[in-house]
């Protein structure tokens, strides 16, 4: 019995060693940087490609995450990074974006493809593997530091603006951007000064999802470190001049100051977030209060655009334009169940 048991243990050990030695691998080829290129998979000790049929950003997201290259920026097909060679290992890949490896996504099976190498799939990853705010007096403000493939550095302020900052604030669960100062406002950092220019609309969920231009060498130094001051999550909401604490004109407390919320397109999605944050059930009405109920104090938020599932009003998309003039007719109110 002991002899049979020893043989079984040895067989399992050899099987494990064989599986490790022949483990599937992933790489990006011919993209000009480690973070972009043609997607290649090593299976049965042979490198091959992936067909671009139904290839999309969720598939690319799994590739970037698996390689530790940040967020997916694009998912080009049609051999954008040149045609590969060898077998086309995967076809009709259908990822949800949360899988730990590309071959864990739905597909036709290893080597089951009718594609040619003119249809090889590609990926461009952001390369950004971490973001943090440093040296601010509160968690939601500070010098912008970015980790690129494991190395931390600061960001040049030459093209850094409020739209870019707004995306980072949302990404860090810090509300919306109040300002985006440069000039080493929160002190000089260490390490590299990244010169990438982000071209954000301000509505993206992650800075790595914004179009980016790599400027290469520049005259930026740590004297030019970019920074951001975010609103932080609202400390509290309240409803005034209603029949209960769950209906009335909306006011928000930001940094200890009660302020008005103004909007000319206030809707039920926005109202739903207020009701949820106040634990007042579901929204029954979103309205602009009559003149007699309008506020006169400072303005905290303008033009709020919620999806309806946010947990906090400052996590919705907030207008960052300083040029917009607040009109008292835009005060907002809700009625919650």
C-alpha atoms as a PDB file:
ATOM      1  CA  UNK A   1       0.000   0.000   0.000  1.00  0.00           C
ATOM      2  CA  UNK A   2       2.819   2.365   0.903  1.00  0.00           C
ATOM      3  CA  UNK A   3       4.501   1.651  -2.435  1.00  0.00           C
ATOM      4  CA  UNK A   4       1.338   2.502  -4.356  1.00  0.00           C
ATOM      5  CA  UNK A   5       0.911   5.695  -2.294  1.00  0.00           C
ATOM      6  CA  UNK A   6       4.514   6.785  -2.980  1.00  0.00           C
ATOM      7  CA  UNK A   7       4.047   6.161  -6.689  1.00  0.00           C
ATOM      8  CA  UNK A   8       0.854   8.255  -6.675  1.00  0.00           C
ATOM      9  CA  UNK A   9       2.536  11.138  -4.851  1.00  0.00           C
ATOM     10  CA  UNK A  10       5.472  11.028  -7.297  1.00  0.00           C
ATOM     11  CA  UNK A  11       3.097  10.991 -10.284  1.00  0.00           C
ATOM     12  CA  UNK A  12       1.172  14.013  -8.935  1.00  0.00           C
ATOM     13  CA  UNK A  13       4.439  15.877  -8.307  1.00  0.00           C
ATOM     14  CA  UNK A  14       5.657  15.219 -11.857  1.00  0.00           C
ATOM     15  CA  UNK A  15       2.276  16.308 -13.225  1.00  0.00           C
ATOM     16  CA  UNK A  16       2.450  19.554 -11.236  1.00  0.00           C
ATOM     17  CA  UNK A  17       6.004  20.272 -12.452  1.00  0.00           C
ATOM     18  CA  UNK A  18       4.941  19.605 -16.039  1.00  0.00           C
ATOM     19  CA  UNK A  19       1.944  21.935 -15.730  1.00  0.00           C
ATOM     20  CA  UNK A  20       4.078  24.720 -14.249  1.00  0.00           C
ATOM     21  CA  UNK A  21       6.694  24.331 -16.970  1.00  0.00           C
ATOM     22  CA  UNK A  22       4.056  24.441 -19.696  1.00  0.00           C
ATOM     23  CA  UNK A  23       1.920  27.144 -18.092  1.00  0.00           C
ATOM     24  CA  UNK A  24       0.122  29.514 -20.449  1.00  0.00           C
ATOM     25  CA  UNK A  25       1.700  32.971 -20.808  1.00  0.00           C
ATOM     26  CA  UNK A  26       0.695  36.336 -22.261  1.00  0.00           C
ATOM     27  CA  UNK A  27       2.674  39.162 -23.853  1.00  0.00           C
ATOM     28  CA  UNK A  28       2.335  42.266 -26.050  1.00  0.00           C
ATOM     29  CA  UNK A  29       4.550  42.432 -29.141  1.00  0.00           C
ATOM     30  CA  UNK A  30       5.621  45.087 -31.654  1.00  0.00           C
ATOM     31  CA  UNK A  31       3.957  48.068 -29.935  1.00  0.00           C
ATOM     32  CA  UNK A  32       7.060  50.169 -29.340  1.00  0.00           C
ATOM     33  CA  UNK A  33       6.647  49.931 -25.537  1.00  0.00           C
ATOM     34  CA  UNK A  34       5.927  47.182 -22.995  1.00  0.00           C
ATOM     35  CA  UNK A  35       2.359  48.471 -22.621  1.00  0.00           C
ATOM     36  CA  UNK A  36       1.154  48.153 -26.215  1.00  0.00           C
ATOM     37  CA  UNK A  37       1.259  45.633 -29.007  1.00  0.00           C
ATOM     38  CA  UNK A  38      -0.130  42.537 -30.643  1.00  0.00           C
ATOM     39  CA  UNK A  39      -1.621  40.138 -28.097  1.00  0.00           C
ATOM     40  CA  UNK A  40       0.257  36.857 -28.037  1.00  0.00           C
ATOM     41  CA  UNK A  41      -0.461  33.770 -25.948  1.00  0.00           C
ATOM     42  CA  UNK A  42       1.919  30.907 -25.208  1.00  0.00           C
ATOM     43  CA  UNK A  43       0.108  27.577 -25.076  1.00  0.00           C
ATOM     44  CA  UNK A  44       1.669  24.125 -25.216  1.00  0.00           C
ATOM     45  CA  UNK A  45       5.079  25.849 -25.340  1.00  0.00           C
ATOM     46  CA  UNK A  46       4.224  27.666 -28.574  1.00  0.00           C
ATOM     47  CA  UNK A  47       3.485  31.367 -29.030  1.00  0.00           C
ATOM     48  CA  UNK A  48       0.432  32.327 -31.085  1.00  0.00           C
ATOM     49  CA  UNK A  49      -2.024  35.194 -31.528  1.00  0.00           C
ATOM     50  CA  UNK A  50      -5.655  36.092 -30.752  1.00  0.00           C
ATOM     51  CA  UNK A  51      -8.328  36.751 -33.382  1.00  0.00           C
ATOM     52  CA  UNK A  52     -10.048  40.159 -33.308  1.00  0.00           C
ATOM     53  CA  UNK A  53     -13.598  38.783 -33.750  1.00  0.00           C
ATOM     54  CA  UNK A  54     -15.725  40.606 -31.117  1.00  0.00           C
ATOM     55  CA  UNK A  55     -12.499  41.947 -29.565  1.00  0.00           C
ATOM     56  CA  UNK A  56     -13.371  44.903 -27.310  1.00  0.00           C
ATOM     57  CA  UNK A  57     -12.300  47.022 -24.342  1.00  0.00           C
ATOM     58  CA  UNK A  58     -13.416  44.453 -21.755  1.00  0.00           C
ATOM     59  CA  UNK A  59     -11.090  41.896 -23.360  1.00  0.00           C
ATOM     60  CA  UNK A  60      -8.292  44.473 -23.445  1.00  0.00           C
ATOM     61  CA  UNK A  61      -8.953  45.308 -19.768  1.00  0.00           C
ATOM     62  CA  UNK A  62      -8.260  41.687 -18.807  1.00  0.00           C
ATOM     63  CA  UNK A  63      -5.008  41.693 -20.820  1.00  0.00           C
ATOM     64  CA  UNK A  64      -3.776  44.914 -19.177  1.00  0.00           C
ATOM     65  CA  UNK A  65      -4.732  43.739 -15.705  1.00  0.00           C
ATOM     66  CA  UNK A  66      -3.139  40.321 -16.208  1.00  0.00           C
ATOM     67  CA  UNK A  67       0.135  41.932 -17.301  1.00  0.00           C
ATOM     68  CA  UNK A  68       0.052  44.606 -14.577  1.00  0.00           C
ATOM     69  CA  UNK A  69       0.041  47.418 -17.144  1.00  0.00           C
ATOM     70  CA  UNK A  70      -2.765  49.572 -15.783  1.00  0.00           C
ATOM     71  CA  UNK A  71      -6.050  50.304 -17.527  1.00  0.00           C
ATOM     72  CA  UNK A  72      -6.947  49.519 -21.137  1.00  0.00           C
ATOM     73  CA  UNK A  73      -6.798  52.536 -23.456  1.00  0.00           C
ATOM     74  CA  UNK A  74      -7.652  50.897 -26.787  1.00  0.00           C
ATOM     75  CA  UNK A  75      -8.351  47.481 -28.316  1.00  0.00           C
ATOM     76  CA  UNK A  76      -7.359  47.663 -32.004  1.00  0.00           C
ATOM     77  CA  UNK A  77      -7.866  44.754 -34.390  1.00  0.00           C
ATOM     78  CA  UNK A  78      -6.924  44.024 -38.015  1.00  0.00           C
ATOM     79  CA  UNK A  79      -3.265  43.406 -37.096  1.00  0.00           C
ATOM     80  CA  UNK A  80      -2.817  47.035 -36.029  1.00  0.00           C
ATOM     81  CA  UNK A  81       0.587  46.107 -34.573  1.00  0.00           C
ATOM     82  CA  UNK A  82       1.508  43.892 -37.509  1.00  0.00           C
ATOM     83  CA  UNK A  83       0.548  40.287 -38.290  1.00  0.00           C
ATOM     84  CA  UNK A  84       1.894  37.541 -36.095  1.00  0.00           C
ATOM     85  CA  UNK A  85       2.716  33.933 -36.936  1.00  0.00           C
ATOM     86  CA  UNK A  86       2.073  30.489 -35.565  1.00  0.00           C
ATOM     87  CA  UNK A  87      -1.321  29.282 -34.339  1.00  0.00           C
ATOM     88  CA  UNK A  88      -4.224  31.594 -33.603  1.00  0.00           C
ATOM     89  CA  UNK A  89      -4.903  30.264 -30.153  1.00  0.00           C
ATOM     90  CA  UNK A  90      -8.071  32.151 -29.173  1.00  0.00           C
ATOM     91  CA  UNK A  91     -11.060  33.374 -31.153  1.00  0.00           C
ATOM     92  CA  UNK A  92     -14.331  35.114 -30.303  1.00  0.00           C
ATOM     93  CA  UNK A  93     -13.028  36.077 -26.857  1.00  0.00           C
ATOM     94  CA  UNK A  94     -15.820  37.324 -24.582  1.00  0.00           C
ATOM     95  CA  UNK A  95     -14.514  38.796 -21.308  1.00  0.00           C
ATOM     96  CA  UNK A  96     -16.482  40.562 -18.592  1.00  0.00           C
ATOM     97  CA  UNK A  97     -13.395  42.551 -17.623  1.00  0.00           C
ATOM     98  CA  UNK A  98     -12.970  40.882 -14.227  1.00  0.00           C
ATOM     99  CA  UNK A  99     -11.255  37.639 -15.226  1.00  0.00           C
ATOM    100  CA  UNK A 100      -7.714  36.981 -13.973  1.00  0.00           C
ATOM    101  CA  UNK A 101      -6.456  35.606 -17.303  1.00  0.00           C
ATOM    102  CA  UNK A 102      -7.498  36.025 -20.926  1.00  0.00           C
ATOM    103  CA  UNK A 103      -8.056  32.298 -21.429  1.00  0.00           C
ATOM    104  CA  UNK A 104     -10.540  32.296 -18.553  1.00  0.00           C
ATOM    105  CA  UNK A 105     -12.870  34.384 -20.725  1.00  0.00           C
ATOM    106  CA  UNK A 106     -15.383  32.783 -23.032  1.00  0.00           C
ATOM    107  CA  UNK A 107     -13.820  31.643 -26.330  1.00  0.00           C
ATOM    108  CA  UNK A 108     -14.093  28.974 -29.046  1.00  0.00           C
ATOM    109  CA  UNK A 109     -11.465  26.729 -27.443  1.00  0.00           C
ATOM    110  CA  UNK A 110      -7.714  26.479 -27.862  1.00  0.00           C
ATOM    111  CA  UNK A 111      -6.746  26.681 -31.526  1.00  0.00           C
ATOM    112  CA  UNK A 112     -10.340  26.791 -32.775  1.00  0.00           C
ATOM    113  CA  UNK A 113     -10.319  29.710 -35.210  1.00  0.00           C
ATOM    114  CA  UNK A 114     -10.980  30.460 -38.875  1.00  0.00           C
ATOM    115  CA  UNK A 115      -9.118  33.811 -38.740  1.00  0.00           C
ATOM    116  CA  UNK A 116      -5.941  34.799 -40.521  1.00  0.00           C
ATOM    117  CA  UNK A 117      -3.095  36.825 -39.053  1.00  0.00           C
ATOM    118  CA  UNK A 118      -4.471  39.930 -40.755  1.00  0.00           C
ATOM    119  CA  UNK A 119      -7.082  39.834 -37.978  1.00  0.00           C
ATOM    120  CA  UNK A 120      -4.708  39.669 -35.006  1.00  0.00           C
ATOM    121  CA  UNK A 121      -5.930  41.537 -31.928  1.00  0.00           C
ATOM    122  CA  UNK A 122      -3.952  44.263 -30.208  1.00  0.00           C
ATOM    123  CA  UNK A 123      -4.036  46.223 -26.976  1.00  0.00           C
ATOM    124  CA  UNK A 124      -2.775  49.544 -25.668  1.00  0.00           C
ATOM    125  CA  UNK A 125      -2.585  49.802 -21.867  1.00  0.00           C
ATOM    126  CA  UNK A 126      -2.125  53.011 -19.914  1.00  0.00           C
ATOM    127  CA  UNK A 127       0.932  51.776 -18.038  1.00  0.00           C
ATOM    128  CA  UNK A 128      -0.375  53.645 -14.986  1.00  0.00           C
ATOM    129  CA  UNK A 129      -0.510  51.208 -12.090  1.00  0.00           C
ATOM    130  CA  UNK A 130      -1.175  53.607  -9.233  1.00  0.00           C
ATOM    131  CA  UNK A 131      -2.338  57.126  -8.370  1.00  0.00           C
ATOM    132  CA  UNK A 132      -2.029  59.011  -5.097  1.00  0.00           C
ATOM    133  CA  UNK A 133      -2.222  62.507  -3.602  1.00  0.00           C
ATOM    134  CA  UNK A 134       0.733  63.398  -1.389  1.00  0.00           C
ATOM    135  CA  UNK A 135       1.535  66.093   1.172  1.00  0.00           C
ATOM    136  CA  UNK A 136      -1.952  67.622   1.400  1.00  0.00           C
ATOM    137  CA  UNK A 137      -3.512  68.604   4.693  1.00  0.00           C
ATOM    138  CA  UNK A 138      -6.470  66.291   3.955  1.00  0.00           C
ATOM    139  CA  UNK A 139      -6.665  62.954   2.142  1.00  0.00           C
ATOM    140  CA  UNK A 140      -8.364  64.477  -0.901  1.00  0.00           C
ATOM    141  CA  UNK A 141      -5.766  67.081  -1.804  1.00  0.00           C
ATOM    142  CA  UNK A 142      -2.084  67.010  -2.578  1.00  0.00           C
ATOM    143  CA  UNK A 143       0.665  66.578  -5.125  1.00  0.00           C
ATOM    144  CA  UNK A 144      -0.307  64.196  -7.935  1.00  0.00           C
ATOM    145  CA  UNK A 145       1.907  61.124  -8.016  1.00  0.00           C
ATOM    146  CA  UNK A 146       1.581  58.370 -10.612  1.00  0.00           C
ATOM    147  CA  UNK A 147       3.049  54.882 -10.607  1.00  0.00           C
ATOM    148  CA  UNK A 148       4.174  53.756 -14.058  1.00  0.00           C
ATOM    149  CA  UNK A 149       5.084  50.070 -14.248  1.00  0.00           C
ATOM    150  CA  UNK A 150       6.013  50.051 -10.574  1.00  0.00           C
ATOM    151  CA  UNK A 151       7.987  53.334 -10.452  1.00  0.00           C
ATOM    152  CA  UNK A 152       6.436  56.346  -8.666  1.00  0.00           C
ATOM    153  CA  UNK A 153       6.913  59.855  -9.995  1.00  0.00           C
ATOM    154  CA  UNK A 154       5.195  63.233 -10.176  1.00  0.00           C
ATOM    155  CA  UNK A 155       3.274  64.818 -13.057  1.00  0.00           C
ATOM    156  CA  UNK A 156       4.349  67.896 -15.025  1.00  0.00           C
ATOM    157  CA  UNK A 157       1.825  70.728 -14.673  1.00  0.00           C
ATOM    158  CA  UNK A 158       2.261  72.137 -18.208  1.00  0.00           C
ATOM    159  CA  UNK A 159      -1.119  70.854 -19.511  1.00  0.00           C
ATOM    160  CA  UNK A 160      -2.746  69.696 -16.266  1.00  0.00           C
ATOM    161  CA  UNK A 161      -6.200  71.266 -15.952  1.00  0.00           C
ATOM    162  CA  UNK A 162      -9.456  71.136 -14.009  1.00  0.00           C
ATOM    163  CA  UNK A 163     -11.034  68.508 -16.286  1.00  0.00           C
ATOM    164  CA  UNK A 164      -8.105  66.129 -15.731  1.00  0.00           C
ATOM    165  CA  UNK A 165      -8.175  66.834 -12.004  1.00  0.00           C
ATOM    166  CA  UNK A 166     -11.905  66.165 -11.882  1.00  0.00           C
ATOM    167  CA  UNK A 167     -11.395  62.646 -13.235  1.00  0.00           C
ATOM    168  CA  UNK A 168      -8.700  61.923 -10.670  1.00  0.00           C
ATOM    169  CA  UNK A 169     -10.898  63.189  -7.815  1.00  0.00           C
ATOM    170  CA  UNK A 170     -13.734  60.878  -8.883  1.00  0.00           C
ATOM    171  CA  UNK A 171     -11.316  57.994  -9.343  1.00  0.00           C
ATOM    172  CA  UNK A 172      -9.968  58.427  -5.803  1.00  0.00           C
ATOM    173  CA  UNK A 173     -13.498  58.641  -4.349  1.00  0.00           C
ATOM    174  CA  UNK A 174     -12.817  62.273  -3.431  1.00  0.00           C
ATOM    175  CA  UNK A 175     -15.762  64.079  -4.979  1.00  0.00           C
ATOM    176  CA  UNK A 176     -15.011  66.677  -7.661  1.00  0.00           C
ATOM    177  CA  UNK A 177     -12.076  68.979  -8.429  1.00  0.00           C
ATOM    178  CA  UNK A 178     -12.089  72.407  -6.794  1.00  0.00           C
ATOM    179  CA  UNK A 179      -8.758  73.498  -8.280  1.00  0.00           C
ATOM    180  CA  UNK A 180      -5.731  72.074 -10.101  1.00  0.00           C
ATOM    181  CA  UNK A 181      -2.718  74.129  -8.986  1.00  0.00           C
ATOM    182  CA  UNK A 182       0.730  73.609 -10.467  1.00  0.00           C
ATOM    183  CA  UNK A 183       4.110  74.975  -9.557  1.00  0.00           C
ATOM    184  CA  UNK A 184       4.812  72.447  -6.809  1.00  0.00           C
ATOM    185  CA  UNK A 185       1.904  73.811  -4.754  1.00  0.00           C
ATOM    186  CA  UNK A 186       2.147  70.940  -2.252  1.00  0.00           C
ATOM    187  CA  UNK A 187       5.942  70.781  -2.287  1.00  0.00           C
ATOM    188  CA  UNK A 188       8.457  69.122  -4.563  1.00  0.00           C
ATOM    189  CA  UNK A 189       8.311  65.399  -5.128  1.00  0.00           C
ATOM    190  CA  UNK A 190      11.006  62.828  -5.834  1.00  0.00           C
ATOM    191  CA  UNK A 191      11.798  60.496  -8.692  1.00  0.00           C
ATOM    192  CA  UNK A 192      10.747  60.995 -12.302  1.00  0.00           C
ATOM    193  CA  UNK A 193       8.600  63.869 -13.558  1.00  0.00           C
ATOM    194  CA  UNK A 194       6.133  62.273 -15.965  1.00  0.00           C
ATOM    195  CA  UNK A 195       5.427  64.540 -18.930  1.00  0.00           C
ATOM    196  CA  UNK A 196       2.278  62.838 -20.244  1.00  0.00           C
ATOM    197  CA  UNK A 197      -0.553  65.197 -21.190  1.00  0.00           C
ATOM    198  CA  UNK A 198      -4.066  63.972 -20.417  1.00  0.00           C
ATOM    199  CA  UNK A 199      -6.964  65.099 -22.598  1.00  0.00           C
ATOM    200  CA  UNK A 200      -9.906  64.319 -20.313  1.00  0.00           C
ATOM    201  CA  UNK A 201     -13.491  65.405 -20.864  1.00  0.00           C
ATOM    202  CA  UNK A 202     -13.936  65.366 -17.087  1.00  0.00           C
ATOM    203  CA  UNK A 203     -16.496  62.553 -17.148  1.00  0.00           C
ATOM    204  CA  UNK A 204     -14.188  59.535 -17.391  1.00  0.00           C
ATOM    205  CA  UNK A 205     -14.068  57.123 -14.437  1.00  0.00           C
ATOM    206  CA  UNK A 206     -10.280  56.676 -14.463  1.00  0.00           C
ATOM    207  CA  UNK A 207      -7.427  58.953 -15.509  1.00  0.00           C
ATOM    208  CA  UNK A 208      -5.949  56.065 -17.480  1.00  0.00           C
ATOM    209  CA  UNK A 209      -9.058  56.064 -19.682  1.00  0.00           C
ATOM    210  CA  UNK A 210      -8.412  59.598 -20.958  1.00  0.00           C
ATOM    211  CA  UNK A 211      -6.589  60.125 -24.267  1.00  0.00           C
ATOM    212  CA  UNK A 212      -2.962  60.879 -23.523  1.00  0.00           C
ATOM    213  CA  UNK A 213      -0.032  62.400 -25.375  1.00  0.00           C
ATOM    214  CA  UNK A 214       3.463  61.400 -24.299  1.00  0.00           C
ATOM    215  CA  UNK A 215       5.586  64.533 -24.591  1.00  0.00           C
ATOM    216  CA  UNK A 216       8.909  62.800 -24.056  1.00  0.00           C
ATOM    217  CA  UNK A 217      11.792  64.914 -22.768  1.00  0.00           C
ATOM    218  CA  UNK A 218      10.816  68.341 -21.447  1.00  0.00           C
ATOM    219  CA  UNK A 219      12.085  71.130 -19.255  1.00  0.00           C
ATOM    220  CA  UNK A 220       9.780  70.118 -16.398  1.00  0.00           C
ATOM    221  CA  UNK A 221      11.323  69.682 -12.974  1.00  0.00           C
ATOM    222  CA  UNK A 222       9.836  69.160  -9.539  1.00  0.00           C
ATOM    223  CA  UNK A 223       9.228  72.911  -9.485  1.00  0.00           C
ATOM    224  CA  UNK A 224       6.443  72.099 -11.961  1.00  0.00           C
ATOM    225  CA  UNK A 225       4.746  69.286 -10.036  1.00  0.00           C
ATOM    226  CA  UNK A 226       0.984  69.168 -10.620  1.00  0.00           C
ATOM    227  CA  UNK A 227      -1.505  69.085  -7.756  1.00  0.00           C
ATOM    228  CA  UNK A 228      -5.222  68.821  -7.132  1.00  0.00           C
ATOM    229  CA  UNK A 229      -7.640  69.963  -4.451  1.00  0.00           C
ATOM    230  CA  UNK A 230     -10.776  67.835  -4.420  1.00  0.00           C
ATOM    231  CA  UNK A 231     -14.021  68.671  -2.685  1.00  0.00           C
ATOM    232  CA  UNK A 232     -14.008  65.437  -0.728  1.00  0.00           C
ATOM    233  CA  UNK A 233     -17.256  63.646  -0.140  1.00  0.00           C
ATOM    234  CA  UNK A 234     -20.024  65.810   1.175  1.00  0.00           C
ATOM    235  CA  UNK A 235     -20.036  65.887   4.969  1.00  0.00           C
ATOM    236  CA  UNK A 236     -23.799  66.005   5.023  1.00  0.00           C
ATOM    237  CA  UNK A 237     -26.934  66.891   3.113  1.00  0.00           C
ATOM    238  CA  UNK A 238     -30.097  68.497   4.423  1.00  0.00           C
ATOM    239  CA  UNK A 239     -33.516  69.375   3.036  1.00  0.00           C
ATOM    240  CA  UNK A 240     -35.097  72.670   4.068  1.00  0.00           C
ATOM    241  CA  UNK A 241     -38.636  74.126   4.089  1.00  0.00           C
ATOM    242  CA  UNK A 242     -40.280  70.732   3.595  1.00  0.00           C
ATOM    243  CA  UNK A 243     -42.879  68.902   5.610  1.00  0.00           C
ATOM    244  CA  UNK A 244     -40.283  66.445   6.945  1.00  0.00           C
ATOM    245  CA  UNK A 245     -36.524  65.877   6.886  1.00  0.00           C
ATOM    246  CA  UNK A 246     -37.078  63.870   3.689  1.00  0.00           C
ATOM    247  CA  UNK A 247     -38.389  66.622   1.423  1.00  0.00           C
ATOM    248  CA  UNK A 248     -37.428  70.186   0.601  1.00  0.00           C
ATOM    249  CA  UNK A 249     -34.678  72.343  -0.898  1.00  0.00           C
ATOM    250  CA  UNK A 250     -31.277  70.630  -1.040  1.00  0.00           C
ATOM    251  CA  UNK A 251     -28.256  72.041   0.802  1.00  0.00           C
ATOM    252  CA  UNK A 252     -24.833  70.430   1.078  1.00  0.00           C
ATOM    253  CA  UNK A 253     -22.074  70.810   3.665  1.00  0.00           C
ATOM    254  CA  UNK A 254     -18.597  71.051   2.164  1.00  0.00           C
ATOM    255  CA  UNK A 255     -15.707  71.661   4.543  1.00  0.00           C
ATOM    256  CA  UNK A 256     -18.140  72.745   7.232  1.00  0.00           C
ATOM    257  CA  UNK A 257     -20.039  75.325   5.152  1.00  0.00           C
ATOM    258  CA  UNK A 258     -23.700  74.789   4.276  1.00  0.00           C
ATOM    259  CA  UNK A 259     -24.233  75.711   0.634  1.00  0.00           C
ATOM    260  CA  UNK A 260     -26.887  75.619  -2.069  1.00  0.00           C
ATOM    261  CA  UNK A 261     -27.129  73.185  -4.968  1.00  0.00           C
ATOM    262  CA  UNK A 262     -28.011  74.827  -8.307  1.00  0.00           C
ATOM    263  CA  UNK A 263     -29.098  73.036 -11.460  1.00  0.00           C
ATOM    264  CA  UNK A 264     -31.230  73.790 -14.496  1.00  0.00           C
ATOM    265  CA  UNK A 265     -31.583  70.102 -15.455  1.00  0.00           C
ATOM    266  CA  UNK A 266     -32.220  68.551 -12.040  1.00  0.00           C
ATOM    267  CA  UNK A 267     -33.909  65.170 -12.506  1.00  0.00           C
ATOM    268  CA  UNK A 268     -34.973  61.963 -10.784  1.00  0.00           C
ATOM    269  CA  UNK A 269     -31.528  60.362 -11.085  1.00  0.00           C
ATOM    270  CA  UNK A 270     -30.064  63.282  -9.127  1.00  0.00           C
ATOM    271  CA  UNK A 271     -32.902  63.176  -6.603  1.00  0.00           C
ATOM    272  CA  UNK A 272     -32.420  59.422  -6.120  1.00  0.00           C
ATOM    273  CA  UNK A 273     -28.853  59.964  -4.923  1.00  0.00           C
ATOM    274  CA  UNK A 274     -29.985  62.609  -2.411  1.00  0.00           C
ATOM    275  CA  UNK A 275     -32.699  60.342  -1.014  1.00  0.00           C
ATOM    276  CA  UNK A 276     -30.300  57.412  -0.750  1.00  0.00           C
ATOM    277  CA  UNK A 277     -27.617  59.495   0.973  1.00  0.00           C
ATOM    278  CA  UNK A 278     -30.159  60.795   3.480  1.00  0.00           C
ATOM    279  CA  UNK A 279     -31.585  57.284   3.991  1.00  0.00           C
ATOM    280  CA  UNK A 280     -34.998  58.625   3.035  1.00  0.00           C
ATOM    281  CA  UNK A 281     -36.171  55.834   0.743  1.00  0.00           C
ATOM    282  CA  UNK A 282     -36.679  56.393  -2.962  1.00  0.00           C
ATOM    283  CA  UNK A 283     -37.135  59.639  -4.846  1.00  0.00           C
ATOM    284  CA  UNK A 284     -40.712  60.602  -5.686  1.00  0.00           C
ATOM    285  CA  UNK A 285     -40.104  64.064  -7.106  1.00  0.00           C
ATOM    286  CA  UNK A 286     -37.273  66.289  -8.375  1.00  0.00           C
ATOM    287  CA  UNK A 287     -38.161  69.973  -8.655  1.00  0.00           C
ATOM    288  CA  UNK A 288     -37.001  73.597  -8.570  1.00  0.00           C
ATOM    289  CA  UNK A 289     -38.444  75.342  -5.511  1.00  0.00           C
ATOM    290  CA  UNK A 290     -40.648  78.424  -5.927  1.00  0.00           C
ATOM    291  CA  UNK A 291     -39.175  81.873  -5.351  1.00  0.00           C
ATOM    292  CA  UNK A 292     -40.306  81.980  -1.734  1.00  0.00           C
ATOM    293  CA  UNK A 293     -38.238  78.866  -0.929  1.00  0.00           C
ATOM    294  CA  UNK A 294     -35.021  79.754  -2.764  1.00  0.00           C
ATOM    295  CA  UNK A 295     -31.783  80.114  -0.853  1.00  0.00           C
ATOM    296  CA  UNK A 296     -29.481  83.113  -0.557  1.00  0.00           C
ATOM    297  CA  UNK A 297     -26.269  81.577   0.800  1.00  0.00           C
ATOM    298  CA  UNK A 298     -23.074  80.400  -0.921  1.00  0.00           C
ATOM    299  CA  UNK A 299     -23.236  77.950  -3.814  1.00  0.00           C
ATOM    300  CA  UNK A 300     -21.690  74.518  -3.222  1.00  0.00           C
ATOM    301  CA  UNK A 301     -22.525  72.584  -6.388  1.00  0.00           C
ATOM    302  CA  UNK A 302     -23.570  73.507  -9.917  1.00  0.00           C
ATOM    303  CA  UNK A 303     -25.002  71.311 -12.657  1.00  0.00           C
ATOM    304  CA  UNK A 304     -25.009  67.889 -11.040  1.00  0.00           C
ATOM    305  CA  UNK A 305     -25.316  64.926 -13.396  1.00  0.00           C
ATOM    306  CA  UNK A 306     -25.916  61.649 -11.576  1.00  0.00           C
ATOM    307  CA  UNK A 307     -26.383  58.180 -12.989  1.00  0.00           C
ATOM    308  CA  UNK A 308     -28.667  57.475 -10.036  1.00  0.00           C
ATOM    309  CA  UNK A 309     -26.597  54.737  -8.375  1.00  0.00           C
ATOM    310  CA  UNK A 310     -23.973  56.912  -6.636  1.00  0.00           C
ATOM    311  CA  UNK A 311     -23.757  56.735  -2.852  1.00  0.00           C
ATOM    312  CA  UNK A 312     -22.874  60.403  -2.409  1.00  0.00           C
ATOM    313  CA  UNK A 313     -23.886  63.522  -4.355  1.00  0.00           C
ATOM    314  CA  UNK A 314     -20.285  64.669  -4.821  1.00  0.00           C
ATOM    315  CA  UNK A 315     -19.498  61.413  -6.624  1.00  0.00           C
ATOM    316  CA  UNK A 316     -21.774  62.477  -9.488  1.00  0.00           C
ATOM    317  CA  UNK A 317     -20.413  64.475 -12.407  1.00  0.00           C
ATOM    318  CA  UNK A 318     -20.167  68.097 -11.266  1.00  0.00           C
ATOM    319  CA  UNK A 319     -19.615  71.102 -13.519  1.00  0.00           C
ATOM    320  CA  UNK A 320     -16.066  72.415 -13.076  1.00  0.00           C
ATOM    321  CA  UNK A 321     -16.564  75.605 -15.090  1.00  0.00           C
ATOM    322  CA  UNK A 322     -15.882  78.705 -13.034  1.00  0.00           C
ATOM    323  CA  UNK A 323     -17.473  80.811 -15.785  1.00  0.00           C
ATOM    324  CA  UNK A 324     -20.985  79.532 -15.148  1.00  0.00           C
ATOM    325  CA  UNK A 325     -22.954  82.087 -13.180  1.00  0.00           C
ATOM    326  CA  UNK A 326     -25.201  80.784 -10.454  1.00  0.00           C
ATOM    327  CA  UNK A 327     -28.800  81.895 -10.788  1.00  0.00           C
ATOM    328  CA  UNK A 328     -31.059  81.670  -7.749  1.00  0.00           C
ATOM    329  CA  UNK A 329     -33.769  80.198  -9.979  1.00  0.00           C
ATOM    330  CA  UNK A 330     -31.718  77.018 -10.197  1.00  0.00           C
ATOM    331  CA  UNK A 331     -32.081  75.885  -6.564  1.00  0.00           C
ATOM    332  CA  UNK A 332     -33.114  72.237  -6.429  1.00  0.00           C
ATOM    333  CA  UNK A 333     -35.444  70.217  -4.256  1.00  0.00           C
ATOM    334  CA  UNK A 334     -36.547  66.620  -3.759  1.00  0.00           C
ATOM    335  CA  UNK A 335     -39.391  64.661  -2.261  1.00  0.00           C
ATOM    336  CA  UNK A 336     -38.359  61.235  -0.941  1.00  0.00           C
ATOM    337  CA  UNK A 337     -40.660  58.404   0.001  1.00  0.00           C
END
